[in-house]
């Protein structure tokens, strides 16, 4: 029962954070690597591959047209403790569930054109700027909303 409530909360949170004052333009799934710019192990995004192999994907990426934002819904079962540390700076603890923490981006990240096309983002160049972004932690997922 608790799992069902948590899942419903995650779905509600995703929908409300994406569609409040806006609509989901499109979404896709892929593998997201959080080892920083140039994949050198710093804080931030390294790469996003938009593979269609759902068995290996760890992230659903949704674009909100009206808010000019992208939300990553990361499946916690498909990331390692090392990846949790890359995202949050430490492993996730039981006390973190249903909390909002922070994800730090050390550098700007430019989305590749294939992902921009999948998400139907009108701009040719889409940049997630460096800064601090909220991460909602549930038992099943991490939700990060990036302003573009």
Protein backbone atom coordinates (compact mmCIF):
# COMPACT_ATOMS: atom_id res chain seq x y z
CA UNK A 1 0.00 0.00 0.00
CA UNK A 2 2.84 2.39 0.89
CA UNK A 3 4.50 1.67 -2.49
CA UNK A 4 1.26 2.47 -4.30
CA UNK A 5 0.90 5.76 -2.43
CA UNK A 6 4.52 6.68 -3.15
CA UNK A 7 4.08 5.82 -6.85
CA UNK A 8 0.90 7.89 -7.06
CA UNK A 9 2.66 10.79 -5.35
CA UNK A 10 5.57 10.56 -7.82
CA UNK A 11 3.18 10.55 -10.77
CA UNK A 12 1.24 13.47 -9.31
CA UNK A 13 4.45 15.39 -8.57
CA UNK A 14 5.76 14.83 -12.10
CA UNK A 15 2.50 15.88 -13.73
CA UNK A 16 2.00 18.91 -11.50
CA UNK A 17 5.58 20.13 -11.80
CA UNK A 18 5.54 19.74 -15.55
CA UNK A 19 2.03 20.76 -16.45
CA UNK A 20 1.29 23.50 -13.90
CA UNK A 21 1.10 26.65 -16.03
CA UNK A 22 2.07 24.58 -19.04
CA UNK A 23 1.79 21.41 -21.00
CA UNK A 24 4.08 18.52 -21.65
CA UNK A 25 5.26 19.07 -25.18
CA UNK A 26 6.86 15.67 -25.58
CA UNK A 27 8.91 13.09 -23.75
CA UNK A 28 11.49 10.45 -24.50
CA UNK A 29 13.68 8.08 -22.56
CA UNK A 30 17.41 7.53 -22.53
CA UNK A 31 20.52 6.92 -20.51
CA UNK A 32 21.78 9.89 -18.53
CA UNK A 33 25.37 10.08 -17.30
CA UNK A 34 26.03 12.50 -14.43
CA UNK A 35 29.84 12.53 -14.33
CA UNK A 36 30.14 16.18 -15.32
CA UNK A 37 31.29 18.16 -18.33
CA UNK A 38 33.61 16.16 -20.55
CA UNK A 39 32.76 13.18 -18.29
CA UNK A 40 35.63 14.09 -15.99
CA UNK A 41 33.83 13.22 -12.75
CA UNK A 42 32.70 16.69 -11.66
CA UNK A 43 29.13 17.76 -10.86
CA UNK A 44 26.80 17.99 -13.81
CA UNK A 45 25.59 16.22 -16.91
CA UNK A 46 28.09 14.29 -19.02
CA UNK A 47 25.85 12.79 -21.69
CA UNK A 48 22.30 11.85 -22.56
CA UNK A 49 21.78 9.05 -25.04
CA UNK A 50 18.32 8.73 -26.52
CA UNK A 51 18.43 4.99 -27.11
CA UNK A 52 15.17 3.21 -27.81
CA UNK A 53 16.21 0.14 -25.76
CA UNK A 54 13.87 0.63 -22.81
CA UNK A 55 15.61 -2.12 -20.81
CA UNK A 56 18.81 -0.09 -20.49
CA UNK A 57 17.35 3.43 -20.10
CA UNK A 58 17.48 5.07 -16.69
CA UNK A 59 15.68 8.38 -17.36
CA UNK A 60 12.42 9.67 -18.82
CA UNK A 61 12.89 13.22 -20.12
CA UNK A 62 9.86 15.49 -20.55
CA UNK A 63 9.73 18.99 -22.05
CA UNK A 64 7.33 21.62 -20.70
CA UNK A 65 6.71 24.16 -23.44
CA UNK A 66 5.12 26.90 -21.33
CA UNK A 67 7.64 26.76 -18.49
CA UNK A 68 10.67 26.31 -20.75
CA UNK A 69 11.79 23.44 -18.56
CA UNK A 70 12.88 19.83 -18.88
CA UNK A 71 12.14 17.28 -16.17
CA UNK A 72 14.27 14.16 -15.74
CA UNK A 73 12.54 11.26 -13.98
CA UNK A 74 15.40 8.96 -13.04
CA UNK A 75 14.67 5.34 -12.13
CA UNK A 76 16.61 4.72 -8.90
CA UNK A 77 16.69 0.97 -9.61
CA UNK A 78 18.75 1.69 -12.74
CA UNK A 79 21.44 3.85 -11.18
CA UNK A 80 24.27 2.86 -8.86
CA UNK A 81 25.23 4.33 -5.50
CA UNK A 82 28.17 5.99 -7.29
CA UNK A 83 25.68 7.72 -9.62
CA UNK A 84 23.57 8.82 -6.63
CA UNK A 85 26.73 10.41 -5.24
CA UNK A 86 27.38 12.15 -8.59
CA UNK A 87 23.85 13.57 -8.54
CA UNK A 88 23.43 14.48 -4.85
CA UNK A 89 26.98 14.54 -3.51
CA UNK A 90 26.25 11.58 -1.23
CA UNK A 91 24.32 8.29 -1.20
CA UNK A 92 20.56 8.51 -0.72
CA UNK A 93 19.47 7.72 2.82
CA UNK A 94 16.08 6.56 4.10
CA UNK A 95 15.53 10.03 5.61
CA UNK A 96 15.84 11.57 2.10
CA UNK A 97 12.65 9.91 0.82
CA UNK A 98 9.93 12.46 0.01
CA UNK A 99 12.46 15.30 0.41
CA UNK A 100 13.75 17.86 -2.05
CA UNK A 101 17.55 18.03 -2.26
CA UNK A 102 19.87 19.80 -4.75
CA UNK A 103 21.72 18.86 -7.92
CA UNK A 104 24.67 21.13 -8.73
CA UNK A 105 25.68 21.74 -12.34
CA UNK A 106 29.26 23.04 -12.54
CA UNK A 107 29.02 23.82 -16.26
CA UNK A 108 26.40 24.55 -18.91
CA UNK A 109 25.17 21.51 -20.85
CA UNK A 110 23.99 21.72 -24.47
CA UNK A 111 21.36 19.16 -25.47
CA UNK A 112 22.19 17.28 -28.65
CA UNK A 113 20.04 17.99 -31.70
CA UNK A 114 18.50 14.50 -31.75
CA UNK A 115 17.15 14.95 -28.22
CA UNK A 116 15.93 18.46 -29.06
CA UNK A 117 14.07 16.99 -32.05
CA UNK A 118 12.54 14.14 -30.00
CA UNK A 119 11.30 16.63 -27.40
CA UNK A 120 10.01 19.01 -30.11
CA UNK A 121 11.77 21.99 -28.58
CA UNK A 122 11.43 24.94 -30.97
CA UNK A 123 14.95 26.29 -30.45
CA UNK A 124 17.88 24.73 -32.33
CA UNK A 125 20.32 25.24 -29.46
CA UNK A 126 19.09 24.28 -26.01
CA UNK A 127 21.32 24.86 -23.00
CA UNK A 128 20.82 23.77 -19.42
CA UNK A 129 22.72 26.45 -17.54
CA UNK A 130 25.03 25.78 -14.63
CA UNK A 131 23.54 26.24 -11.19
CA UNK A 132 21.60 24.46 -8.49
CA UNK A 133 18.44 22.50 -9.35
CA UNK A 134 15.88 20.85 -7.05
CA UNK A 135 15.82 17.05 -6.87
CA UNK A 136 12.73 15.40 -5.45
CA UNK A 137 13.63 11.99 -3.97
CA UNK A 138 11.12 9.15 -3.80
CA UNK A 139 11.67 5.45 -3.15
CA UNK A 140 11.50 4.75 -6.88
CA UNK A 141 12.68 7.92 -8.63
CA UNK A 142 14.66 11.13 -8.60
CA UNK A 143 12.96 14.09 -10.29
CA UNK A 144 15.11 16.99 -11.49
CA UNK A 145 13.54 20.00 -13.24
CA UNK A 146 15.93 22.09 -15.33
CA UNK A 147 15.00 25.59 -16.48
CA UNK A 148 16.18 26.29 -20.02
